[in-house]
């Protein structure tokens, strides 16, 4: 199943720089692991916001949930998920 996932980072502005830097580094590392596993297919940055739009692939919603909650920034994210279905025009 494919999912369109929109996230916005809501890390408090008073977070110490060293903590913010560590979380960003860990987030990049985990995102790369998800890419390598084929779960994170594409990722776009939303200009002007601390937000992303990602295309994820998972066996079911529970598997996607496990992938998203494995992200180090998870507890500071506002997340919206849309399950995607193939349009009939896409079938060959």
PDB file of N, CA and C in Angstrom:
ATOM      1  N   UNK A   1       0.836  -1.175   0.000  1.00  0.00           N
ATOM      2  CA  UNK A   1       0.000   0.000   0.000  1.00  0.00           C
ATOM      3  C   UNK A   1       0.883   1.242   0.000  1.00  0.00           C
ATOM      4  N   UNK A   2       0.424   2.250  -0.743  1.00  0.00           N
ATOM      5  CA  UNK A   2       1.137   3.531  -0.734  1.00  0.00           C
ATOM      6  C   UNK A   2       0.366   4.539   0.110  1.00  0.00           C
ATOM      7  N   UNK A   3       1.123   5.428   0.752  1.00  0.00           N
ATOM      8  CA  UNK A   3       0.542   6.434   1.621  1.00  0.00           C
ATOM      9  C   UNK A   3       1.211   7.778   1.358  1.00  0.00           C
ATOM     10  N   UNK A   4       0.408   8.822   1.318  1.00  0.00           N
ATOM     11  CA  UNK A   4       0.933  10.179   1.264  1.00  0.00           C
ATOM     12  C   UNK A   4       0.955  10.682   2.702  1.00  0.00           C
ATOM     13  N   UNK A   5       2.136  11.040   3.183  1.00  0.00           N
ATOM     14  CA  UNK A   5       2.310  11.425   4.586  1.00  0.00           C
ATOM     15  C   UNK A   5       2.809  12.861   4.648  1.00  0.00           C
ATOM     16  N   UNK A   6       2.043  13.701   5.318  1.00  0.00           N
ATOM     17  CA  UNK A   6       2.433  15.098   5.531  1.00  0.00           C
ATOM     18  C   UNK A   6       2.832  15.247   6.996  1.00  0.00           C
ATOM     19  N   UNK A   7       4.019  15.814   7.215  1.00  0.00           N
ATOM     20  CA  UNK A   7       4.475  16.032   8.586  1.00  0.00           C
ATOM     21  C   UNK A   7       4.890  17.478   8.772  1.00  0.00           C
ATOM     22  N   UNK A   8       4.676  17.966   9.969  1.00  0.00           N
ATOM     23  CA  UNK A   8       5.180  19.280  10.346  1.00  0.00           C
ATOM     24  C   UNK A   8       5.890  19.118  11.676  1.00  0.00           C
ATOM     25  N   UNK A   9       7.122  19.618  11.742  1.00  0.00           N
ATOM     26  CA  UNK A   9       7.935  19.516  12.947  1.00  0.00           C
ATOM     27  C   UNK A   9       7.521  20.626  13.904  1.00  0.00           C
ATOM     28  N   UNK A  10       7.110  20.242  15.104  1.00  0.00           N
ATOM     29  CA  UNK A  10       6.671  21.201  16.125  1.00  0.00           C
ATOM     30  C   UNK A  10       7.611  21.200  17.324  1.00  0.00           C
ATOM     31  N   UNK A  11       8.884  20.908  17.082  1.00  0.00           N
ATOM     32  CA  UNK A  11       9.876  20.927  18.153  1.00  0.00           C
ATOM     33  C   UNK A  11       9.858  22.310  18.805  1.00  0.00           C
ATOM     34  N   UNK A  12       9.744  22.381  20.114  1.00  0.00           N
ATOM     35  CA  UNK A  12       9.667  23.690  20.780  1.00  0.00           C
ATOM     36  C   UNK A  12      10.856  24.584  20.429  1.00  0.00           C
ATOM     37  N   UNK A  13      10.595  25.874  20.199  1.00  0.00           N
ATOM     38  CA  UNK A  13      11.673  26.790  19.802  1.00  0.00           C
ATOM     39  C   UNK A  13      12.771  26.939  20.853  1.00  0.00           C
ATOM     40  N   UNK A  14      12.465  26.635  22.108  1.00  0.00           N
ATOM     41  CA  UNK A  14      13.483  26.776  23.154  1.00  0.00           C
ATOM     42  C   UNK A  14      14.325  25.503  23.332  1.00  0.00           C
ATOM     43  N   UNK A  15      14.200  24.559  22.401  1.00  0.00           N
ATOM     44  CA  UNK A  15      15.020  23.349  22.455  1.00  0.00           C
ATOM     45  C   UNK A  15      16.482  23.734  22.271  1.00  0.00           C
ATOM     46  N   UNK A  16      17.357  23.260  23.144  1.00  0.00           N
ATOM     47  CA  UNK A  16      18.781  23.602  23.018  1.00  0.00           C
ATOM     48  C   UNK A  16      19.341  23.177  21.654  1.00  0.00           C
ATOM     49  N   UNK A  17      20.270  23.974  21.149  1.00  0.00           N
ATOM     50  CA  UNK A  17      20.851  23.707  19.827  1.00  0.00           C
ATOM     51  C   UNK A  17      21.460  22.309  19.734  1.00  0.00           C
ATOM     52  N   UNK A  18      22.158  21.868  20.775  1.00  0.00           N
ATOM     53  CA  UNK A  18      22.793  20.553  20.713  1.00  0.00           C
ATOM     54  C   UNK A  18      21.744  19.432  20.621  1.00  0.00           C
ATOM     55  N   UNK A  19      20.613  19.611  21.291  1.00  0.00           N
ATOM     56  CA  UNK A  19      19.531  18.627  21.211  1.00  0.00           C
ATOM     57  C   UNK A  19      18.899  18.651  19.832  1.00  0.00           C
ATOM     58  N   UNK A  20      18.648  19.838  19.312  1.00  0.00           N
ATOM     59  CA  UNK A  20      18.064  20.006  17.969  1.00  0.00           C
ATOM     60  C   UNK A  20      18.977  19.369  16.916  1.00  0.00           C
ATOM     61  N   UNK A  21      20.286  19.625  17.017  1.00  0.00           N
ATOM     62  CA  UNK A  21      21.245  19.065  16.059  1.00  0.00           C
ATOM     63  C   UNK A  21      21.278  17.535  16.130  1.00  0.00           C
ATOM     64  N   UNK A  22      21.263  17.000  17.335  1.00  0.00           N
ATOM     65  CA  UNK A  22      21.282  15.539  17.509  1.00  0.00           C
ATOM     66  C   UNK A  22      20.024  14.919  16.917  1.00  0.00           C
ATOM     67  N   UNK A  23      18.868  15.501  17.203  1.00  0.00           N
ATOM     68  CA  UNK A  23      17.611  14.967  16.674  1.00  0.00           C
ATOM     69  C   UNK A  23      17.576  15.027  15.149  1.00  0.00           C
ATOM     70  N   UNK A  24      18.061  16.104  14.572  1.00  0.00           N
ATOM     71  CA  UNK A  24      18.093  16.211  13.100  1.00  0.00           C
ATOM     72  C   UNK A  24      18.999  15.138  12.499  1.00  0.00           C
ATOM     73  N   UNK A  25      20.144  14.934  13.106  1.00  0.00           N
ATOM     74  CA  UNK A  25      21.081  13.914  12.614  1.00  0.00           C
ATOM     75  C   UNK A  25      20.443  12.522  12.707  1.00  0.00           C
ATOM     76  N   UNK A  26      19.844  12.227  13.854  1.00  0.00           N
ATOM     77  CA  UNK A  26      19.201  10.927  14.039  1.00  0.00           C
ATOM     78  C   UNK A  26      18.010  10.756  13.091  1.00  0.00           C
ATOM     79  N   UNK A  27      17.287  11.826  12.844  1.00  0.00           N
ATOM     80  CA  UNK A  27      16.138  11.783  11.921  1.00  0.00           C
ATOM     81  C   UNK A  27      16.613  11.452  10.502  1.00  0.00           C
ATOM     82  N   UNK A  28      17.691  12.095  10.060  1.00  0.00           N
ATOM     83  CA  UNK A  28      18.240  11.803   8.727  1.00  0.00           C
ATOM     84  C   UNK A  28      18.693  10.346   8.624  1.00  0.00           C
ATOM     85  N   UNK A  29      19.359   9.867   9.676  1.00  0.00           N
ATOM     86  CA  UNK A  29      19.834   8.482   9.673  1.00  0.00           C
ATOM     87  C   UNK A  29      18.668   7.496   9.588  1.00  0.00           C
ATOM     88  N   UNK A  30      17.627   7.739  10.376  1.00  0.00           N
ATOM     89  CA  UNK A  30      16.473   6.820  10.368  1.00  0.00           C
ATOM     90  C   UNK A  30      15.736   6.907   9.033  1.00  0.00           C
ATOM     91  N   UNK A  31      15.600   8.100   8.478  1.00  0.00           N
ATOM     92  CA  UNK A  31      14.944   8.252   7.176  1.00  0.00           C
ATOM     93  C   UNK A  31      15.712   7.481   6.108  1.00  0.00           C
ATOM     94  N   UNK A  32      17.035   7.498   6.168  1.00  0.00           N
ATOM     95  CA  UNK A  32      17.828   6.746   5.194  1.00  0.00           C
ATOM     96  C   UNK A  32      17.608   5.246   5.358  1.00  0.00           C
ATOM     97  N   UNK A  33      17.492   4.791   6.598  1.00  0.00           N
ATOM     98  CA  UNK A  33      17.194   3.383   6.836  1.00  0.00           C
ATOM     99  C   UNK A  33      15.839   3.001   6.239  1.00  0.00           C
ATOM    100  N   UNK A  34      14.853   3.879   6.385  1.00  0.00           N
ATOM    101  CA  UNK A  34      13.532   3.615   5.810  1.00  0.00           C
ATOM    102  C   UNK A  34      13.590   3.625   4.285  1.00  0.00           C
ATOM    103  N   UNK A  35      14.418   4.513   3.708  1.00  0.00           N
ATOM    104  CA  UNK A  35      14.622   4.501   2.252  1.00  0.00           C
ATOM    105  C   UNK A  35      15.252   3.183   1.813  1.00  0.00           C
ATOM    106  N   UNK A  36      16.306   2.785   2.512  1.00  0.00           N
ATOM    107  CA  UNK A  36      17.009   1.553   2.166  1.00  0.00           C
ATOM    108  C   UNK A  36      16.087   0.337   2.247  1.00  0.00           C
ATOM    109  N   UNK A  37      15.122   0.380   3.168  1.00  0.00           N
ATOM    110  CA  UNK A  37      14.168  -0.723   3.339  1.00  0.00           C
ATOM    111  C   UNK A  37      13.014  -0.647   2.338  1.00  0.00           C
ATOM    112  N   UNK A  38      12.959   0.434   1.547  1.00  0.00           N
ATOM    113  CA  UNK A  38      11.891   0.577   0.561  1.00  0.00           C
ATOM    114  C   UNK A  38      10.594   1.130   1.123  1.00  0.00           C
ATOM    115  N   UNK A  39      10.618   1.602   2.350  1.00  0.00           N
ATOM    116  CA  UNK A  39       9.410   2.149   2.979  1.00  0.00           C
ATOM    117  C   UNK A  39       9.211   3.605   2.578  1.00  0.00           C
ATOM    118  N   UNK A  40      10.249   4.401   2.656  1.00  0.00           N
ATOM    119  CA  UNK A  40      10.184   5.808   2.249  1.00  0.00           C
ATOM    120  C   UNK A  40      10.616   5.883   0.784  1.00  0.00           C
ATOM    121  N   UNK A  41       9.654   6.194  -0.082  1.00  0.00           N
ATOM    122  CA  UNK A  41       9.912   6.198  -1.522  1.00  0.00           C
ATOM    123  C   UNK A  41      10.373   7.559  -2.028  1.00  0.00           C
ATOM    124  N   UNK A  42       9.733   8.618  -1.581  1.00  0.00           N
ATOM    125  CA  UNK A  42      10.053   9.989  -2.011  1.00  0.00           C
ATOM    126  C   UNK A  42       9.799  10.913  -0.836  1.00  0.00           C
ATOM    127  N   UNK A  43      10.519  12.050  -0.822  1.00  0.00           N
ATOM    128  CA  UNK A  43      10.343  13.023   0.253  1.00  0.00           C
ATOM    129  C   UNK A  43      10.540  14.417  -0.309  1.00  0.00           C
ATOM    130  N   UNK A  44       9.600  15.298  -0.025  1.00  0.00           N
ATOM    131  CA  UNK A  44       9.671  16.684  -0.469  1.00  0.00           C
ATOM    132  C   UNK A  44       9.622  17.599   0.743  1.00  0.00           C
ATOM    133  N   UNK A  45      10.340  18.693   0.668  1.00  0.00           N
ATOM    134  CA  UNK A  45      10.298  19.736   1.683  1.00  0.00           C
ATOM    135  C   UNK A  45       9.225  20.736   1.279  1.00  0.00           C
ATOM    136  N   UNK A  46       8.506  21.285   2.243  1.00  0.00           N
ATOM    137  CA  UNK A  46       7.498  22.305   1.982  1.00  0.00           C
ATOM    138  C   UNK A  46       8.161  23.654   2.222  1.00  0.00           C
ATOM    139  N   UNK A  47       8.382  24.451   1.178  1.00  0.00           N
ATOM    140  CA  UNK A  47       9.064  25.736   1.339  1.00  0.00           C
ATOM    141  C   UNK A  47       8.314  26.653   2.327  1.00  0.00           C
ATOM    142  N   UNK A  48       9.109  27.314   3.157  1.00  0.00           N
ATOM    143  CA  UNK A  48       8.550  28.279   4.103  1.00  0.00           C
ATOM    144  C   UNK A  48       8.003  27.675   5.380  1.00  0.00           C
ATOM    145  N   UNK A  49       8.077  26.353   5.498  1.00  0.00           N
ATOM    146  CA  UNK A  49       7.584  25.695   6.714  1.00  0.00           C
ATOM    147  C   UNK A  49       8.564  24.593   7.097  1.00  0.00           C
ATOM    148  N   UNK A  50       8.517  24.188   8.321  1.00  0.00           N
ATOM    149  CA  UNK A  50       9.331  23.057   8.773  1.00  0.00           C
ATOM    150  C   UNK A  50       8.487  21.798   8.583  1.00  0.00           C
ATOM    151  N   UNK A  51       8.215  21.484   7.300  1.00  0.00           N
ATOM    152  CA  UNK A  51       7.282  20.420   6.974  1.00  0.00           C
ATOM    153  C   UNK A  51       7.774  19.633   5.763  1.00  0.00           C
ATOM    154  N   UNK A  52       7.268  18.399   5.653  1.00  0.00           N
ATOM    155  CA  UNK A  52       7.587  17.541   4.515  1.00  0.00           C
ATOM    156  C   UNK A  52       6.325  16.865   4.001  1.00  0.00           C
ATOM    157  N   UNK A  53       6.426  16.388   2.772  1.00  0.00           N
ATOM    158  CA  UNK A  53       5.425  15.506   2.183  1.00  0.00           C
ATOM    159  C   UNK A  53       6.197  14.292   1.697  1.00  0.00           C
ATOM    160  N   UNK A  54       5.761  13.116   2.102  1.00  0.00           N
ATOM    161  CA  UNK A  54       6.476  11.905   1.729  1.00  0.00           C
ATOM    162  C   UNK A  54       5.566  10.860   1.125  1.00  0.00           C
ATOM    163  N   UNK A  55       6.119  10.069   0.237  1.00  0.00           N
ATOM    164  CA  UNK A  55       5.436   8.914  -0.317  1.00  0.00           C
ATOM    165  C   UNK A  55       6.048   7.686   0.348  1.00  0.00           C
ATOM    166  N   UNK A  56       5.225   6.963   1.065  1.00  0.00           N
ATOM    167  CA  UNK A  56       5.660   5.779   1.802  1.00  0.00           C
ATOM    168  C   UNK A  56       4.956   4.548   1.242  1.00  0.00           C
ATOM    169  N   UNK A  57       5.605   3.405   1.391  1.00  0.00           N
ATOM    170  CA  UNK A  57       4.990   2.133   1.012  1.00  0.00           C
ATOM    171  C   UNK A  57       5.128   1.180   2.186  1.00  0.00           C
ATOM    172  N   UNK A  58       3.995   0.592   2.580  1.00  0.00           N
ATOM    173  CA  UNK A  58       3.977  -0.341   3.705  1.00  0.00           C
ATOM    174  C   UNK A  58       2.917  -1.402   3.440  1.00  0.00           C
ATOM    175  N   UNK A  59       3.048  -2.526   4.096  1.00  0.00           N
ATOM    176  CA  UNK A  59       2.107  -3.614   3.906  1.00  0.00           C
ATOM    177  C   UNK A  59       0.699  -3.284   4.356  1.00  0.00           C
ATOM    178  N   UNK A  60       0.601  -2.451   5.394  1.00  0.00           N
ATOM    179  CA  UNK A  60      -0.704  -2.058   5.920  1.00  0.00           C
ATOM    180  C   UNK A  60      -0.513  -0.820   6.802  1.00  0.00           C
ATOM    181  N   UNK A  61      -1.615  -0.209   7.260  1.00  0.00           N
ATOM    182  CA  UNK A  61      -1.481   0.997   8.092  1.00  0.00           C
ATOM    183  C   UNK A  61      -0.675   0.782   9.373  1.00  0.00           C
ATOM    184  N   UNK A  62      -0.764  -0.386   9.955  1.00  0.00           N
ATOM    185  CA  UNK A  62      -0.008  -0.646  11.186  1.00  0.00           C
ATOM    186  C   UNK A  62       1.501  -0.630  10.921  1.00  0.00           C
ATOM    187  N   UNK A  63       1.904  -1.182   9.786  1.00  0.00           N
ATOM    188  CA  UNK A  63       3.323  -1.171   9.420  1.00  0.00           C
ATOM    189  C   UNK A  63       3.805   0.261   9.177  1.00  0.00           C
ATOM    190  N   UNK A  64       2.971   1.062   8.535  1.00  0.00           N
ATOM    191  CA  UNK A  64       3.323   2.474   8.337  1.00  0.00           C
ATOM    192  C   UNK A  64       3.447   3.180   9.687  1.00  0.00           C
ATOM    193  N   UNK A  65       2.498   2.935  10.564  1.00  0.00           N
ATOM    194  CA  UNK A  65       2.535   3.548  11.895  1.00  0.00           C
ATOM    195  C   UNK A  65       3.848   3.201  12.611  1.00  0.00           C
ATOM    196  N   UNK A  66       4.254   1.947  12.532  1.00  0.00           N
ATOM    197  CA  UNK A  66       5.512   1.530  13.171  1.00  0.00           C
ATOM    198  C   UNK A  66       6.696   2.285  12.576  1.00  0.00           C
ATOM    199  N   UNK A  67       6.695   2.466  11.251  1.00  0.00           N
ATOM    200  CA  UNK A  67       7.793   3.200  10.599  1.00  0.00           C
ATOM    201  C   UNK A  67       7.808   4.655  11.058  1.00  0.00           C
ATOM    202  N   UNK A  68       6.649   5.288  11.084  1.00  0.00           N
ATOM    203  CA  UNK A  68       6.595   6.700  11.468  1.00  0.00           C
ATOM    204  C   UNK A  68       6.968   6.910  12.933  1.00  0.00           C
ATOM    205  N   UNK A  69       6.502   6.031  13.793  1.00  0.00           N
ATOM    206  CA  UNK A  69       6.822   6.197  15.223  1.00  0.00           C
ATOM    207  C   UNK A  69       8.273   5.865  15.527  1.00  0.00           C
ATOM    208  N   UNK A  70       8.984   5.264  14.571  1.00  0.00           N
ATOM    209  CA  UNK A  70      10.403   4.984  14.772  1.00  0.00           C
ATOM    210  C   UNK A  70      11.272   6.219  14.505  1.00  0.00           C
ATOM    211  N   UNK A  71      10.669   7.269  13.957  1.00  0.00           N
ATOM    212  CA  UNK A  71      11.425   8.496  13.685  1.00  0.00           C
ATOM    213  C   UNK A  71      11.725   9.231  14.991  1.00  0.00           C
ATOM    214  N   UNK A  72      12.944   9.675  15.193  1.00  0.00           N
ATOM    215  CA  UNK A  72      13.311  10.353  16.441  1.00  0.00           C
ATOM    216  C   UNK A  72      12.483  11.603  16.747  1.00  0.00           C
ATOM    217  N   UNK A  73      11.987  12.290  15.726  1.00  0.00           N
ATOM    218  CA  UNK A  73      11.206  13.516  15.939  1.00  0.00           C
ATOM    219  C   UNK A  73       9.715  13.235  16.106  1.00  0.00           C
ATOM    220  N   UNK A  74       9.324  11.964  16.076  1.00  0.00           N
ATOM    221  CA  UNK A  74       7.918  11.572  16.064  1.00  0.00           C
ATOM    222  C   UNK A  74       7.068  12.336  17.083  1.00  0.00           C
ATOM    223  N   UNK A  75       7.515  12.407  18.313  1.00  0.00           N
ATOM    224  CA  UNK A  75       6.642  13.000  19.341  1.00  0.00           C
ATOM    225  C   UNK A  75       6.466  14.510  19.181  1.00  0.00           C
ATOM    226  N   UNK A  76       7.216  15.132  18.285  1.00  0.00           N
ATOM    227  CA  UNK A  76       7.053  16.564  18.018  1.00  0.00           C
ATOM    228  C   UNK A  76       6.476  16.824  16.633  1.00  0.00           C
ATOM    229  N   UNK A  77       5.886  15.803  16.016  1.00  0.00           N
ATOM    230  CA  UNK A  77       5.350  15.954  14.661  1.00  0.00           C
ATOM    231  C   UNK A  77       3.832  15.994  14.664  1.00  0.00           C
ATOM    232  N   UNK A  78       3.307  16.848  13.791  1.00  0.00           N
ATOM    233  CA  UNK A  78       1.899  16.800  13.437  1.00  0.00           C
ATOM    234  C   UNK A  78       1.866  16.014  12.123  1.00  0.00           C
ATOM    235  N   UNK A  79       1.156  14.888  12.085  1.00  0.00           N
ATOM    236  CA  UNK A  79       1.195  13.977  10.945  1.00  0.00           C
ATOM    237  C   UNK A  79      -0.205  13.773  10.381  1.00  0.00           C
ATOM    238  N   UNK A  80      -0.302  13.824   9.063  1.00  0.00           N
ATOM    239  CA  UNK A  80      -1.533  13.495   8.350  1.00  0.00           C
ATOM    240  C   UNK A  80      -1.201  12.417   7.330  1.00  0.00           C
ATOM    241  N   UNK A  81      -1.995  11.366   7.301  1.00  0.00           N
ATOM    242  CA  UNK A  81      -1.752  10.243   6.395  1.00  0.00           C
ATOM    243  C   UNK A  81      -2.960  10.046   5.499  1.00  0.00           C
ATOM    244  N   UNK A  82      -2.691   9.852   4.212  1.00  0.00           N
ATOM    245  CA  UNK A  82      -3.740   9.514   3.256  1.00  0.00           C
ATOM    246  C   UNK A  82      -3.334   8.220   2.562  1.00  0.00           C
ATOM    247  N   UNK A  83      -4.179   7.200   2.661  1.00  0.00           N
ATOM    248  CA  UNK A  83      -3.937   5.964   1.916  1.00  0.00           C
ATOM    249  C   UNK A  83      -4.233   6.248   0.451  1.00  0.00           C
ATOM    250  N   UNK A  84      -3.396   5.718  -0.429  1.00  0.00           N
ATOM    251  CA  UNK A  84      -3.553   5.956  -1.861  1.00  0.00           C
ATOM    252  C   UNK A  84      -3.961   4.662  -2.559  1.00  0.00           C
ATOM    253  N   UNK A  85      -4.854   4.803  -3.523  1.00  0.00           N
ATOM    254  CA  UNK A  85      -5.279   3.669  -4.342  1.00  0.00           C
ATOM    255  C   UNK A  85      -4.946   3.988  -5.793  1.00  0.00           C
ATOM    256  N   UNK A  86      -4.568   2.975  -6.538  1.00  0.00           N
ATOM    257  CA  UNK A  86      -4.215   3.171  -7.938  1.00  0.00           C
ATOM    258  C   UNK A  86      -5.443   3.590  -8.738  1.00  0.00           C
ATOM    259  N   UNK A  87      -5.289   4.615  -9.531  1.00  0.00           N
ATOM    260  CA  UNK A  87      -6.348   5.092 -10.414  1.00  0.00           C
ATOM    261  C   UNK A  87      -6.460   4.129 -11.595  1.00  0.00           C
ATOM    262  N   UNK A  88      -7.665   3.867 -12.087  1.00  0.00           N
ATOM    263  CA  UNK A  88      -7.820   2.943 -13.217  1.00  0.00           C
ATOM    264  C   UNK A  88      -6.984   3.317 -14.446  1.00  0.00           C
ATOM    265  N   UNK A  89      -6.726   4.581 -14.664  1.00  0.00           N
ATOM    266  CA  UNK A  89      -5.910   4.987 -15.797  1.00  0.00           C
ATOM    267  C   UNK A  89      -4.442   4.608 -15.649  1.00  0.00           C
ATOM    268  N   UNK A  90      -4.022   4.287 -14.424  1.00  0.00           N
ATOM    269  CA  UNK A  90      -2.638   3.912 -14.174  1.00  0.00           C
ATOM    270  C   UNK A  90      -2.383   2.437 -14.460  1.00  0.00           C
ATOM    271  N   UNK A  91      -3.412   1.654 -14.538  1.00  0.00           N
ATOM    272  CA  UNK A  91      -3.243   0.216 -14.778  1.00  0.00           C
ATOM    273  C   UNK A  91      -2.932  -0.019 -16.237  1.00  0.00           C
ATOM    274  N   UNK A  92      -1.981  -0.900 -16.501  1.00  0.00           N
ATOM    275  CA  UNK A  92      -1.628  -1.203 -17.881  1.00  0.00           C
ATOM    276  C   UNK A  92      -1.925  -2.636 -18.212  1.00  0.00           C
TER     277      UNK A  92
END
